Amino acid sequence: MDKKNILIVEDEANIAEVLIAYCENEGFRVTHLSSGQGVVEYVKENSVDLMLLDLMLPHVDGLSICKEIRSFSQLAIIMVTA
């Protein structure tokens, strides 16, 4: 069975490390981006099954990213925020 792809968009290194570790331990393939810049383009160009998306990001905020992705995709998105 192919591994599912999770995109983690999180600028806090400590939080990202924990999310990555948990996802990889459960057998997911993980990509991590640390800012909002380039996220929409990444989703358009790659196969992503689930995105964990922080709301407060440098360059482009998570809500704006979510709205833009919703205009062309039904990708499952879980918002991660403090």
PDB file of N, CA and C in Angstrom:
ATOM      1  N   MET A   1       0.844  -1.188   0.000  1.00  0.00           N
ATOM      2  CA  MET A   1       0.000   0.000   0.000  1.00  0.00           C
ATOM      3  C   MET A   1       0.886   1.246   0.000  1.00  0.00           C
ATOM      4  N   ASP A   2       0.552   2.216  -0.835  1.00  0.00           N
ATOM      5  CA  ASP A   2       1.327   3.447  -0.910  1.00  0.00           C
ATOM      6  C   ASP A   2       1.135   4.286   0.346  1.00  0.00           C
ATOM      7  N   LYS A   3       2.210   4.941   0.745  1.00  0.00           N
ATOM      8  CA  LYS A   3       2.127   5.857   1.878  1.00  0.00           C
ATOM      9  C   LYS A   3       1.333   7.088   1.476  1.00  0.00           C
ATOM     10  N   LYS A   4       0.515   7.582   2.380  1.00  0.00           N
ATOM     11  CA  LYS A   4      -0.212   8.829   2.165  1.00  0.00           C
ATOM     12  C   LYS A   4       0.728   9.992   2.425  1.00  0.00           C
ATOM     13  N   ASN A   5       0.501  11.082   1.700  1.00  0.00           N
ATOM     14  CA  ASN A   5       1.358  12.268   1.792  1.00  0.00           C
ATOM     15  C   ASN A   5       0.701  13.341   2.652  1.00  0.00           C
ATOM     16  N   ILE A   6       1.419  13.776   3.663  1.00  0.00           N
ATOM     17  CA  ILE A   6       0.957  14.858   4.530  1.00  0.00           C
ATOM     18  C   ILE A   6       1.874  16.057   4.352  1.00  0.00           C
ATOM     19  N   LEU A   7       1.265  17.213   4.155  1.00  0.00           N
ATOM     20  CA  LEU A   7       2.001  18.471   4.083  1.00  0.00           C
ATOM     21  C   LEU A   7       1.795  19.197   5.405  1.00  0.00           C
ATOM     22  N   ILE A   8       2.875  19.480   6.107  1.00  0.00           N
ATOM     23  CA  ILE A   8       2.819  20.228   7.360  1.00  0.00           C
ATOM     24  C   ILE A   8       3.358  21.621   7.091  1.00  0.00           C
ATOM     25  N   VAL A   9       2.515  22.624   7.349  1.00  0.00           N
ATOM     26  CA  VAL A   9       2.919  24.021   7.172  1.00  0.00           C
ATOM     27  C   VAL A   9       2.917  24.648   8.563  1.00  0.00           C
ATOM     28  N   GLU A  10       4.105  24.779   9.131  1.00  0.00           N
ATOM     29  CA  GLU A  10       4.271  25.237  10.516  1.00  0.00           C
ATOM     30  C   GLU A  10       5.604  25.954  10.641  1.00  0.00           C
ATOM     31  N   ASP A  11       5.571  27.172  11.183  1.00  0.00           N
ATOM     32  CA  ASP A  11       6.810  27.955  11.302  1.00  0.00           C
ATOM     33  C   ASP A  11       7.552  27.735  12.619  1.00  0.00           C
ATOM     34  N   GLU A  12       6.897  27.212  13.621  1.00  0.00           N
ATOM     35  CA  GLU A  12       7.559  26.941  14.910  1.00  0.00           C
ATOM     36  C   GLU A  12       8.269  25.596  14.815  1.00  0.00           C
ATOM     37  N   ALA A  13       9.598  25.623  14.876  1.00  0.00           N
ATOM     38  CA  ALA A  13      10.398  24.412  14.674  1.00  0.00           C
ATOM     39  C   ALA A  13      10.039  23.300  15.654  1.00  0.00           C
ATOM     40  N   ASN A  14       9.839  23.629  16.926  1.00  0.00           N
ATOM     41  CA  ASN A  14       9.527  22.600  17.931  1.00  0.00           C
ATOM     42  C   ASN A  14       8.211  21.903  17.635  1.00  0.00           C
ATOM     43  N   ILE A  15       7.204  22.677  17.260  1.00  0.00           N
ATOM     44  CA  ILE A  15       5.898  22.097  16.931  1.00  0.00           C
ATOM     45  C   ILE A  15       6.011  21.252  15.671  1.00  0.00           C
ATOM     46  N   ALA A  16       6.697  21.770  14.672  1.00  0.00           N
ATOM     47  CA  ALA A  16       6.868  21.035  13.420  1.00  0.00           C
ATOM     48  C   ALA A  16       7.563  19.698  13.654  1.00  0.00           C
ATOM     49  N   GLU A  17       8.605  19.699  14.477  1.00  0.00           N
ATOM     50  CA  GLU A  17       9.337  18.458  14.762  1.00  0.00           C
ATOM     51  C   GLU A  17       8.435  17.402  15.383  1.00  0.00           C
ATOM     52  N   VAL A  18       7.586  17.805  16.310  1.00  0.00           N
ATOM     53  CA  VAL A  18       6.671  16.861  16.954  1.00  0.00           C
ATOM     54  C   VAL A  18       5.656  16.323  15.946  1.00  0.00           C
ATOM     55  N   LEU A  19       5.059  17.219  15.151  1.00  0.00           N
ATOM     56  CA  LEU A  19       4.080  16.784  14.149  1.00  0.00           C
ATOM     57  C   LEU A  19       4.710  15.829  13.137  1.00  0.00           C
ATOM     58  N   ILE A  20       5.895  16.170  12.671  1.00  0.00           N
ATOM     59  CA  ILE A  20       6.600  15.327  11.701  1.00  0.00           C
ATOM     60  C   ILE A  20       6.876  13.952  12.309  1.00  0.00           C
ATOM     61  N   ALA A  21       7.381  13.929  13.518  1.00  0.00           N
ATOM     62  CA  ALA A  21       7.710  12.656  14.170  1.00  0.00           C
ATOM     63  C   ALA A  21       6.473  11.770  14.322  1.00  0.00           C
ATOM     64  N   TYR A  22       5.369  12.338  14.792  1.00  0.00           N
ATOM     65  CA  TYR A  22       4.142  11.550  14.966  1.00  0.00           C
ATOM     66  C   TYR A  22       3.643  11.018  13.625  1.00  0.00           C
ATOM     67  N   CYS A  23       3.630  11.848  12.614  1.00  0.00           N
ATOM     68  CA  CYS A  23       3.130  11.420  11.304  1.00  0.00           C
ATOM     69  C   CYS A  23       4.022  10.347  10.686  1.00  0.00           C
ATOM     70  N   GLU A  24       5.322  10.536  10.754  1.00  0.00           N
ATOM     71  CA  GLU A  24       6.246   9.543  10.199  1.00  0.00           C
ATOM     72  C   GLU A  24       6.163   8.225  10.964  1.00  0.00           C
ATOM     73  N   ASN A  25       6.005   8.294  12.283  1.00  0.00           N
ATOM     74  CA  ASN A  25       5.869   7.078  13.086  1.00  0.00           C
ATOM     75  C   ASN A  25       4.621   6.282  12.725  1.00  0.00           C
ATOM     76  N   GLU A  26       3.612   6.969  12.205  1.00  0.00           N
ATOM     77  CA  GLU A  26       2.377   6.300  11.782  1.00  0.00           C
ATOM     78  C   GLU A  26       2.425   5.867  10.314  1.00  0.00           C
ATOM     79  N   GLY A  27       3.576   6.069   9.675  1.00  0.00           N
ATOM     80  CA  GLY A  27       3.766   5.562   8.321  1.00  0.00           C
ATOM     81  C   GLY A  27       3.447   6.524   7.196  1.00  0.00           C
ATOM     82  N   PHE A  28       3.255   7.795   7.506  1.00  0.00           N
ATOM     83  CA  PHE A  28       2.979   8.790   6.470  1.00  0.00           C
ATOM     84  C   PHE A  28       4.270   9.340   5.886  1.00  0.00           C
ATOM     85  N   ARG A  29       4.213   9.761   4.642  1.00  0.00           N
ATOM     86  CA  ARG A  29       5.302  10.503   4.010  1.00  0.00           C
ATOM     87  C   ARG A  29       5.017  11.976   4.298  1.00  0.00           C
ATOM     88  N   VAL A  30       6.006  12.699   4.821  1.00  0.00           N
ATOM     89  CA  VAL A  30       5.787  14.068   5.295  1.00  0.00           C
ATOM     90  C   VAL A  30       6.665  15.059   4.540  1.00  0.00           C
ATOM     91  N   THR A  31       6.047  16.177   4.161  1.00  0.00           N
ATOM     92  CA  THR A  31       6.770  17.334   3.646  1.00  0.00           C
ATOM     93  C   THR A  31       6.480  18.484   4.599  1.00  0.00           C
ATOM     94  N   HIS A  32       7.512  19.251   4.921  1.00  0.00           N
ATOM     95  CA  HIS A  32       7.346  20.378   5.845  1.00  0.00           C
ATOM     96  C   HIS A  32       7.733  21.674   5.142  1.00  0.00           C
ATOM     97  N   LEU A  33       6.851  22.667   5.245  1.00  0.00           N
ATOM     98  CA  LEU A  33       7.143  24.023   4.786  1.00  0.00           C
ATOM     99  C   LEU A  33       7.019  24.940   5.997  1.00  0.00           C
ATOM    100  N   SER A  34       7.961  25.865   6.143  1.00  0.00           N
ATOM    101  CA  SER A  34       7.990  26.693   7.349  1.00  0.00           C
ATOM    102  C   SER A  34       7.437  28.103   7.167  1.00  0.00           C
ATOM    103  N   SER A  35       6.904  28.405   5.997  1.00  0.00           N
ATOM    104  CA  SER A  35       6.234  29.698   5.806  1.00  0.00           C
ATOM    105  C   SER A  35       5.069  29.504   4.836  1.00  0.00           C
ATOM    106  N   GLY A  36       4.226  30.512   4.749  1.00  0.00           N
ATOM    107  CA  GLY A  36       3.082  30.433   3.853  1.00  0.00           C
ATOM    108  C   GLY A  36       3.441  30.624   2.391  1.00  0.00           C
ATOM    109  N   GLN A  37       4.609  31.128   2.152  1.00  0.00           N
ATOM    110  CA  GLN A  37       5.040  31.394   0.778  1.00  0.00           C
ATOM    111  C   GLN A  37       5.269  30.080   0.030  1.00  0.00           C
ATOM    112  N   GLY A  38       4.626  29.926  -1.119  1.00  0.00           N
ATOM    113  CA  GLY A  38       4.824  28.754  -1.952  1.00  0.00           C
ATOM    114  C   GLY A  38       3.937  27.558  -1.629  1.00  0.00           C
ATOM    115  N   VAL A  39       3.093  27.663  -0.610  1.00  0.00           N
ATOM    116  CA  VAL A  39       2.258  26.528  -0.216  1.00  0.00           C
ATOM    117  C   VAL A  39       1.241  26.185  -1.308  1.00  0.00           C
ATOM    118  N   VAL A  40       0.551  27.178  -1.824  1.00  0.00           N
ATOM    119  CA  VAL A  40      -0.470  26.925  -2.847  1.00  0.00           C
ATOM    120  C   VAL A  40       0.165  26.293  -4.079  1.00  0.00           C
ATOM    121  N   GLU A  41       1.295  26.799  -4.497  1.00  0.00           N
ATOM    122  CA  GLU A  41       1.992  26.242  -5.651  1.00  0.00           C
ATOM    123  C   GLU A  41       2.404  24.794  -5.383  1.00  0.00           C
ATOM    124  N   TYR A  42       2.861  24.514  -4.160  1.00  0.00           N
ATOM    125  CA  TYR A  42       3.256  23.148  -3.810  1.00  0.00           C
ATOM    126  C   TYR A  42       2.057  22.207  -3.944  1.00  0.00           C
ATOM    127  N   VAL A  43       0.906  22.624  -3.425  1.00  0.00           N
ATOM    128  CA  VAL A  43      -0.296  21.787  -3.479  1.00  0.00           C
ATOM    129  C   VAL A  43      -0.716  21.553  -4.928  1.00  0.00           C
ATOM    130  N   LYS A  44      -0.606  22.565  -5.764  1.00  0.00           N
ATOM    131  CA  LYS A  44      -0.979  22.419  -7.176  1.00  0.00           C
ATOM    132  C   LYS A  44      -0.061  21.441  -7.913  1.00  0.00           C
ATOM    133  N   GLU A  45       1.200  21.378  -7.512  1.00  0.00           N
ATOM    134  CA  GLU A  45       2.195  20.608  -8.257  1.00  0.00           C
ATOM    135  C   GLU A  45       2.493  19.228  -7.673  1.00  0.00           C
ATOM    136  N   ASN A  46       1.958  18.920  -6.491  1.00  0.00           N
ATOM    137  CA  ASN A  46       2.288  17.660  -5.823  1.00  0.00           C
ATOM    138  C   ASN A  46       1.033  16.967  -5.316  1.00  0.00           C
ATOM    139  N   SER A  47       1.161  15.680  -5.111  1.00  0.00           N
ATOM    140  CA  SER A  47       0.071  14.893  -4.558  1.00  0.00           C
ATOM    141  C   SER A  47       0.093  15.029  -3.036  1.00  0.00           C
ATOM    142  N   VAL A  48      -0.941  15.636  -2.483  1.00  0.00           N
ATOM    143  CA  VAL A  48      -1.049  15.819  -1.033  1.00  0.00           C
ATOM    144  C   VAL A  48      -2.397  15.244  -0.600  1.00  0.00           C
ATOM    145  N   ASP A  49      -2.381  14.371   0.411  1.00  0.00           N
ATOM    146  CA  ASP A  49      -3.614  13.754   0.903  1.00  0.00           C
ATOM    147  C   ASP A  49      -4.213  14.501   2.085  1.00  0.00           C
ATOM    148  N   LEU A  50      -3.367  15.183   2.855  1.00  0.00           N
ATOM    149  CA  LEU A  50      -3.804  15.921   4.038  1.00  0.00           C
ATOM    150  C   LEU A  50      -2.811  17.033   4.316  1.00  0.00           C
ATOM    151  N   MET A  51      -3.329  18.178   4.737  1.00  0.00           N
ATOM    152  CA  MET A  51      -2.446  19.275   5.117  1.00  0.00           C
ATOM    153  C   MET A  51      -2.749  19.692   6.553  1.00  0.00           C
ATOM    154  N   LEU A  52      -1.695  19.790   7.358  1.00  0.00           N
ATOM    155  CA  LEU A  52      -1.782  20.377   8.694  1.00  0.00           C
ATOM    156  C   LEU A  52      -1.275  21.800   8.545  1.00  0.00           C
ATOM    157  N   LEU A  53      -2.147  22.775   8.760  1.00  0.00           N
ATOM    158  CA  LEU A  53      -1.867  24.164   8.404  1.00  0.00           C
ATOM    159  C   LEU A  53      -1.968  25.083   9.615  1.00  0.00           C
ATOM    160  N   ASP A  54      -0.863  25.734   9.940  1.00  0.00           N
ATOM    161  CA  ASP A  54      -0.836  26.734  11.008  1.00  0.00           C
ATOM    162  C   ASP A  54      -1.558  27.986  10.522  1.00  0.00           C
ATOM    163  N   LEU A  55      -2.226  28.678  11.414  1.00  0.00           N
ATOM    164  CA  LEU A  55      -2.906  29.917  11.032  1.00  0.00           C
ATOM    165  C   LEU A  55      -1.953  31.098  10.930  1.00  0.00           C
ATOM    166  N   MET A  56      -1.031  31.204  11.868  1.00  0.00           N
ATOM    167  CA  MET A  56      -0.134  32.357  11.909  1.00  0.00           C
ATOM    168  C   MET A  56       1.216  31.961  11.325  1.00  0.00           C
ATOM    169  N   LEU A  57       1.441  32.377  10.079  1.00  0.00           N
ATOM    170  CA  LEU A  57       2.657  32.034   9.345  1.00  0.00           C
ATOM    171  C   LEU A  57       3.314  33.292   8.798  1.00  0.00           C
ATOM    172  N   PRO A  58       4.614  33.249   8.574  1.00  0.00           N
ATOM    173  CA  PRO A  58       5.257  34.375   7.890  1.00  0.00           C
ATOM    174  C   PRO A  58       4.853  34.401   6.414  1.00  0.00           C
ATOM    175  N   HIS A  59       4.797  35.571   5.849  1.00  0.00           N
ATOM    176  CA  HIS A  59       4.541  35.855   4.437  1.00  0.00           C
ATOM    177  C   HIS A  59       3.070  35.749   4.050  1.00  0.00           C
ATOM    178  N   VAL A  60       2.429  34.605   4.239  1.00  0.00           N
ATOM    179  CA  VAL A  60       1.009  34.437   3.910  1.00  0.00           C
ATOM    180  C   VAL A  60       0.373  33.663   5.055  1.00  0.00           C
ATOM    181  N   ASP A  61      -0.741  34.176   5.598  1.00  0.00           N
ATOM    182  CA  ASP A  61      -1.367  33.510   6.741  1.00  0.00           C
ATOM    183  C   ASP A  61      -2.144  32.264   6.308  1.00  0.00           C
ATOM    184  N   GLY A  62      -2.352  31.366   7.258  1.00  0.00           N
ATOM    185  CA  GLY A  62      -3.004  30.096   6.981  1.00  0.00           C
ATOM    186  C   GLY A  62      -4.420  30.225   6.460  1.00  0.00           C
ATOM    187  N   LEU A  63      -5.180  31.193   6.943  1.00  0.00           N
ATOM    188  CA  LEU A  63      -6.555  31.365   6.476  1.00  0.00           C
ATOM    189  C   LEU A  63      -6.587  31.744   4.994  1.00  0.00           C
ATOM    190  N   SER A  64      -5.695  32.620   4.573  1.00  0.00           N
ATOM    191  CA  SER A  64      -5.610  33.001   3.155  1.00  0.00           C
ATOM    192  C   SER A  64      -5.222  31.805   2.295  1.00  0.00           C
ATOM    193  N   ILE A  65      -4.287  30.995   2.789  1.00  0.00           N
ATOM    194  CA  ILE A  65      -3.876  29.790   2.064  1.00  0.00           C
ATOM    195  C   ILE A  65      -5.057  28.847   1.919  1.00  0.00           C
ATOM    196  N   CYS A  66      -5.788  28.627   3.007  1.00  0.00           N
ATOM    197  CA  CYS A  66      -6.943  27.734   2.991  1.00  0.00           C
ATOM    198  C   CYS A  66      -7.982  28.208   1.981  1.00  0.00           C
ATOM    199  N   LYS A  67      -8.302  29.487   1.996  1.00  0.00           N
ATOM    200  CA  LYS A  67      -9.290  30.031   1.054  1.00  0.00           C
ATOM    201  C   LYS A  67      -8.850  29.838  -0.385  1.00  0.00           C
ATOM    202  N   GLU A  68      -7.586  30.077  -0.669  1.00  0.00           N
ATOM    203  CA  GLU A  68      -7.096  29.928  -2.039  1.00  0.00           C
ATOM    204  C   GLU A  68      -7.131  28.467  -2.480  1.00  0.00           C
ATOM    205  N   ILE A  69      -6.729  27.563  -1.608  1.00  0.00           N
ATOM    206  CA  ILE A  69      -6.759  26.138  -1.957  1.00  0.00           C
ATOM    207  C   ILE A  69      -8.191  25.673  -2.172  1.00  0.00           C
ATOM    208  N   ARG A  70      -9.121  26.157  -1.376  1.00  0.00           N
ATOM    209  CA  ARG A  70     -10.527  25.785  -1.539  1.00  0.00           C
ATOM    210  C   ARG A  70     -11.087  26.217  -2.896  1.00  0.00           C
ATOM    211  N   SER A  71     -10.475  27.191  -3.539  1.00  0.00           N
ATOM    212  CA  SER A  71     -10.978  27.643  -4.838  1.00  0.00           C
ATOM    213  C   SER A  71     -10.704  26.637  -5.953  1.00  0.00           C
ATOM    214  N   PHE A  72      -9.809  25.649  -5.701  1.00  0.00           N
ATOM    215  CA  PHE A  72      -9.494  24.667  -6.736  1.00  0.00           C
ATOM    216  C   PHE A  72      -9.387  23.228  -6.226  1.00  0.00           C
ATOM    217  N   SER A  73      -9.519  23.002  -4.906  1.00  0.00           N
ATOM    218  CA  SER A  73      -9.288  21.660  -4.375  1.00  0.00           C
ATOM    219  C   SER A  73     -10.142  21.394  -3.135  1.00  0.00           C
ATOM    220  N   GLN A  74     -10.454  20.131  -2.926  1.00  0.00           N
ATOM    221  CA  GLN A  74     -11.155  19.692  -1.715  1.00  0.00           C
ATOM    222  C   GLN A  74     -10.196  18.968  -0.770  1.00  0.00           C
ATOM    223  N   LEU A  75      -8.899  19.288  -0.864  1.00  0.00           N
ATOM    224  CA  LEU A  75      -7.874  18.722   0.004  1.00  0.00           C
ATOM    225  C   LEU A  75      -8.306  18.799   1.468  1.00  0.00           C
ATOM    226  N   ALA A  76      -8.126  17.717   2.194  1.00  0.00           N
ATOM    227  CA  ALA A  76      -8.410  17.729   3.632  1.00  0.00           C
ATOM    228  C   ALA A  76      -7.393  18.613   4.339  1.00  0.00           C
ATOM    229  N   ILE A  77      -7.887  19.589   5.099  1.00  0.00           N
ATOM    230  CA  ILE A  77      -7.018  20.541   5.796  1.00  0.00           C
ATOM    231  C   ILE A  77      -7.408  20.554   7.273  1.00  0.00           C
ATOM    232  N   ILE A  78      -6.416  20.361   8.119  1.00  0.00           N
ATOM    233  CA  ILE A  78      -6.602  20.510   9.557  1.00  0.00           C
ATOM    234  C   ILE A  78      -5.844  21.749   9.989  1.00  0.00           C
ATOM    235  N   MET A  79      -6.560  22.698  10.589  1.00  0.00           N
ATOM    236  CA  MET A  79      -5.936  23.925  11.040  1.00  0.00           C
ATOM    237  C   MET A  79      -5.272  23.664  12.392  1.00  0.00           C
ATOM    238  N   VAL A  80      -4.002  24.057  12.490  1.00  0.00           N
ATOM    239  CA  VAL A  80      -3.226  23.885  13.712  1.00  0.00           C
ATOM    240  C   VAL A  80      -2.931  25.275  14.262  1.00  0.00           C
ATOM    241  N   THR A  81      -3.378  25.535  15.493  1.00  0.00           N
ATOM    242  CA  THR A  81      -3.158  26.857  16.046  1.00  0.00           C
ATOM    243  C   THR A  81      -3.102  26.784  17.576  1.00  0.00           C
ATOM    244  N   ALA A  82      -2.374  27.702  18.149  1.00  0.00           N
ATOM    245  CA  ALA A  82      -2.291  27.752  19.611  1.00  0.00           C
ATOM    246  C   ALA A  82      -3.587  28.293  20.174  1.00  0.00           C
TER     247      ALA A  82
END
